[in-house]
Amino acid sequence: MPLLNLSLQLPLLLLPIFISAALALNLNSNPNPNPNSSTVSFYSSEPASSSPKETAPQQESSENVLIRFGDDAPQFWQVVNDGVMGGISQSRIRPLEAGHAVFEGVVSLENNGGFASIRTRASRPVDLSGFAGLTIHAKGDGKVYCLRIKTVENGRVTDYAWEARFTAGPEWQTHQLSFDDFRPVFRGRNLRGVPPLRSAAIFEIGLMIRDEQQGPFALEVMTLGVF
């Protein structure tokens, strides 16, 4: 059965609704997060079920979790594939019985395509300036993935994104990506002359596979965090 593009199931008009109900941001009480604190978050939600599950290996306890991928992951993430440019790549995010989620699909180079992605947004900019970077606890298929963020500059979300790459091997691993590792990109092209990454105003986080890595892919993800 072909994969469904879940972007059709997550209208942008619903984003403010789920965010206002589920976000647990600490911007007012803690504008400069303490790296030793575990309370900072991008969004949070209650697990759909309390029944026992087979769980994946946990990441190091020192990680501060921003996003935990659970049964409800699809409702928080929007799919954005190369169909916006005429391509036919497909992807989705799907919860797994083990209690985490998988970003999976098929990348096609037809019709000038070649990428698949998911993204989520906060209701207002998140201040992560008290941290050195982001972490992702994941395992995959040996392919290279991009962790992407967008920030707010001069009161507006940037058109370009900042991205850092990591290779997802077959074993669970926590990848640490310093904010210094992120590079500004727009439609696959590296940019110059843009302001430095503003970690005090992060508004969007996403995952992408591109760079002509055609064929099936699967990235299992447990958490996104900070260090």
Foldseek 3Di string as FASTA:
>chain_A
DAADQCLVVADPVCQVVVQVVWADACCPVPLQDDLQDQRHAQTGDDAPDPDDFAAADDDDPSWRFHDFAFQCNQNFKHKDFCVVQPDDWGWGWHHDRNGGIKIKTFADPPSNGFKIKMKGWHPWFHAHVNFFFKKWWKAWDQAKKKKWWWFDDPRHTDQWIWIAIDTHHHGTDIDTDGLVRTFIDHPRHGDPDDDRDRNSGITMIMMMGGPRPGTIIMMITGGMGTD
